[in-house]
Amino acid sequence: MVHSDNRLLGDQPARPEKSPTAHVDFDDFFKTNFPSSVRMLMKLGASYQEAEDAVSSVMSTLYPRFHTVEHPSAYVRVAATRAYIKYIERERQGQALAARTAPAEIAPKNDPDVDERAWVLQQLRDLPAAQMEVMALTFDGYSPAEIAKLLGKDPQTIRTNLHQARRRLRGRAQERPAEIPARPHESPKEV
């Protein structure tokens, strides 16, 4: 049976579905997610300022459409990671240009802790973008299945990228340059 407005009886007009964030205030979301997103990027190798800039940029993009995004926490983490990866790629290009045009810099005095951290962060930055992104989310506690869902990729692709990243980092650690000594292990004290 057709109604006068050409709707079948029993059909209801389409209602816009409410977003899961409809009841959440952006300020509360920001206070909860900003620090953890910054920490996630710092685990990837970003300085505090780089991480804060990336997350702030993503949060400002999210703000006007916050209530329309189905999973805003995931959106912030993925978008911030991608923003940082783009930043690293631009930095690499700039460093390559500087290396071709500038004289070699004088190396600072070796501090084992600073040298080791810098070396590890450089190894993470040198990974291909997909591997760096997967490693960052893995460091943040996500499983390969969760990462696949967040990024909209096949779980096997995520596992492959994770495996390749780990293999590459393991190989680099074994080939570690002699000028960056591995941290000595403390030997048991004699009594």
Protein backbone atom coordinates (compact mmCIF):
# COMPACT_ATOMS: atom_id res chain seq x y z
CA MET A 1 0.00 0.00 0.00
CA VAL A 2 1.40 3.42 -0.94
CA HIS A 3 0.95 6.52 1.16
CA SER A 4 0.25 9.92 -0.37
CA ASP A 5 3.97 10.83 -0.16
CA ASN A 6 4.88 7.63 -2.07
CA ARG A 7 6.31 5.83 0.97
CA LEU A 8 5.35 2.27 1.68
CA LEU A 9 3.43 1.89 4.90
CA GLY A 10 5.69 0.84 7.67
CA ASP A 11 8.78 2.52 6.17
CA GLN A 12 10.24 5.27 8.22
CA PRO A 13 12.05 8.24 6.75
CA ALA A 14 15.81 7.84 6.88
CA ARG A 15 17.32 9.39 9.98
CA PRO A 16 20.92 10.40 10.16
CA GLU A 17 22.73 7.98 12.43
CA LYS A 18 24.45 9.47 15.43
CA SER A 19 28.20 9.19 15.60
CA PRO A 20 29.65 7.30 18.58
CA THR A 21 31.27 10.60 19.54
CA ALA A 22 27.98 12.55 19.59
CA HIS A 23 27.94 12.47 23.41
CA VAL A 24 31.67 13.24 23.83
CA ASP A 25 32.94 16.77 24.17
CA PHE A 26 35.95 17.62 21.97
CA ASP A 27 37.77 19.20 24.93
CA ASP A 28 37.54 15.94 26.88
CA PHE A 29 38.61 13.97 23.81
CA PHE A 30 41.59 16.32 23.31
CA LYS A 31 42.71 16.09 26.96
CA THR A 32 42.58 12.31 26.82
CA ASN A 33 44.07 11.67 23.38
CA PHE A 34 46.62 14.44 22.85
CA PRO A 35 49.23 13.21 25.36
CA SER A 36 49.00 9.55 24.31
CA SER A 37 49.25 10.47 20.62
CA VAL A 38 52.33 12.61 21.29
CA ARG A 39 53.93 9.72 23.23
CA MET A 40 53.19 7.33 20.36
CA LEU A 41 55.05 9.57 17.88
CA MET A 42 57.94 9.97 20.30
CA LYS A 43 58.23 6.16 20.41
CA LEU A 44 58.58 6.34 16.64
CA GLY A 45 61.49 8.75 17.02
CA ALA A 46 59.89 12.19 16.92
CA SER A 47 61.14 14.87 19.24
CA TYR A 48 58.55 16.25 21.64
CA GLN A 49 58.14 19.35 19.47
CA GLU A 50 57.77 17.34 16.23
CA ALA A 51 55.21 15.04 17.84
CA GLU A 52 53.28 17.92 19.37
CA ASP A 53 53.20 19.77 16.02
CA ALA A 54 51.91 16.72 14.13
CA VAL A 55 49.21 15.90 16.68
CA SER A 56 48.14 19.55 17.00
CA SER A 57 47.77 19.82 13.25
CA VAL A 58 45.62 16.69 13.10
CA MET A 59 43.50 17.78 16.07
CA SER A 60 42.81 21.15 14.44
CA THR A 61 41.75 19.37 11.24
CA LEU A 62 39.52 17.02 13.24
CA TYR A 63 37.82 19.69 15.37
CA PRO A 64 35.22 21.00 12.87
CA ARG A 65 34.12 17.49 11.92
CA PHE A 66 34.73 15.71 15.21
CA HIS A 67 31.17 14.39 15.59
CA THR A 68 31.15 12.93 12.07
CA VAL A 69 34.29 10.80 12.48
CA GLU A 70 33.39 7.28 13.57
CA HIS A 71 36.68 6.48 15.37
CA PRO A 72 38.40 9.78 16.20
CA SER A 73 41.15 8.23 18.38
CA ALA A 74 42.24 5.96 15.56
CA TYR A 75 41.94 8.83 13.09
CA VAL A 76 44.27 11.01 15.18
CA ARG A 77 46.89 8.29 15.62
CA VAL A 78 46.94 7.28 11.96
CA ALA A 79 46.85 10.85 10.61
CA ALA A 80 49.53 12.04 13.07
CA THR A 81 51.76 9.08 12.18
CA ARG A 82 51.36 9.82 8.49
CA ALA A 83 52.05 13.53 9.06
CA TYR A 84 55.24 12.65 10.92
CA ILE A 85 56.32 10.22 8.20
CA LYS A 86 55.86 12.97 5.59
CA TYR A 87 57.92 15.29 7.79
CA ILE A 88 60.71 12.69 8.00
CA GLU A 89 60.68 12.20 4.23
CA ARG A 90 61.02 15.98 3.72
CA GLU A 91 63.86 16.02 6.26
CA ARG A 92 65.65 13.21 4.42
CA GLN A 93 65.43 15.14 1.17
CA GLY A 94 66.77 18.26 2.89
CA GLN A 95 69.61 16.33 4.51
CA ALA A 96 70.56 14.76 1.20
CA LEU A 97 70.72 18.20 -0.40
CA ALA A 98 72.72 19.60 2.53
CA ALA A 99 75.15 16.67 2.40
CA ARG A 100 75.85 17.39 -1.27
CA THR A 101 76.39 21.12 -0.75
CA ALA A 102 77.80 21.62 2.77
CA PRO A 103 81.17 20.64 4.32
CA ALA A 104 81.20 17.83 6.87
CA GLU A 105 80.20 18.87 10.38
CA ILE A 106 82.44 18.45 13.37
CA ALA A 107 81.15 15.55 15.44
CA PRO A 108 80.26 16.26 19.09
CA LYS A 109 82.01 14.40 21.89
CA ASN A 110 80.65 10.88 22.24
CA ASP A 111 78.09 10.33 24.95
CA PRO A 112 77.14 6.63 24.78
CA ASP A 113 73.53 7.19 25.84
CA VAL A 114 72.94 10.05 23.42
CA ASP A 115 74.78 8.30 20.60
CA GLU A 116 72.87 5.05 21.10
CA ARG A 117 69.45 6.74 21.23
CA ALA A 118 70.27 8.82 18.15
CA TRP A 119 71.43 5.71 16.30
CA VAL A 120 68.25 3.77 17.16
CA LEU A 121 66.00 6.67 16.18
CA GLN A 122 67.87 7.09 12.91
CA GLN A 123 67.37 3.40 12.14
CA LEU A 124 63.62 3.79 12.69
CA ARG A 125 63.52 6.91 10.52
CA ASP A 126 65.36 5.11 7.71
CA LEU A 127 62.67 2.44 7.43
CA PRO A 128 60.30 2.70 4.45
CA ALA A 129 57.15 4.67 5.32
CA ALA A 130 54.83 1.64 5.55
CA GLN A 131 57.23 -0.20 7.87
CA MET A 132 57.79 2.89 10.02
CA GLU A 133 54.02 3.37 10.38
CA VAL A 134 53.47 -0.28 11.39
CA MET A 135 56.36 -0.16 13.88
CA ALA A 136 54.97 3.02 15.46
CA LEU A 137 51.55 1.49 15.98
CA THR A 138 53.13 -1.74 17.24
CA PHE A 139 55.17 0.25 19.79
CA ASP A 140 51.90 1.84 20.85
CA GLY A 141 50.48 -1.58 21.69
CA TYR A 142 48.32 -2.35 18.65
CA SER A 143 48.20 -5.89 17.28
CA PRO A 144 48.68 -6.52 13.53
CA ALA A 145 44.92 -7.17 13.18
CA GLU A 146 44.11 -3.85 14.89
CA ILE A 147 46.66 -2.01 12.74
CA ALA A 148 45.16 -3.55 9.60
CA LYS A 149 41.71 -2.33 10.61
CA LEU A 150 43.00 1.16 11.49
CA LEU A 151 44.86 1.54 8.20
CA GLY A 152 42.32 -0.28 6.04
CA LYS A 153 44.90 -2.80 4.85
CA ASP A 154 45.07 -6.58 4.69
CA PRO A 155 46.34 -8.11 7.97
CA GLN A 156 48.89 -10.19 6.04
CA THR A 157 50.34 -6.98 4.54
CA ILE A 158 50.71 -5.56 8.05
CA ARG A 159 52.41 -8.72 9.32
CA THR A 160 54.75 -8.70 6.30
CA ASN A 161 55.69 -5.04 6.88
CA LEU A 162 56.26 -5.73 10.58
CA HIS A 163 58.40 -8.79 9.81
CA GLN A 164 60.47 -6.87 7.24
CA ALA A 165 60.96 -3.92 9.59
CA ARG A 166 62.11 -6.17 12.43
CA ARG A 167 64.45 -8.11 10.12
CA ARG A 168 65.91 -4.86 8.77
CA LEU A 169 66.42 -3.41 12.27
CA ARG A 170 67.96 -6.68 13.53
CA GLY A 171 70.38 -6.70 10.57
CA ARG A 172 71.37 -3.10 11.18
CA ALA A 173 71.95 -3.79 14.87
CA GLN A 174 74.30 -6.66 13.96
CA GLU A 175 76.17 -4.44 11.49
CA ARG A 176 76.34 -1.58 13.98
CA PRO A 177 79.29 0.73 13.27
CA ALA A 178 82.29 0.45 15.57
CA GLU A 179 82.23 4.20 16.31
CA ILE A 180 78.91 3.72 18.14
CA PRO A 181 79.75 1.13 20.76
CA ALA A 182 77.09 -1.18 22.09
CA ARG A 183 76.26 -0.49 25.74
CA PRO A 184 78.37 -2.67 28.00
CA HIS A 185 76.50 -5.06 30.25
CA GLU A 186 77.31 -4.77 33.91
CA SER A 187 79.18 -7.75 35.23
CA PRO A 188 78.22 -9.17 38.63
CA LYS A 189 80.13 -7.56 41.47
CA GLU A 190 82.56 -9.74 43.31
CA VAL A 191 82.06 -10.12 47.04
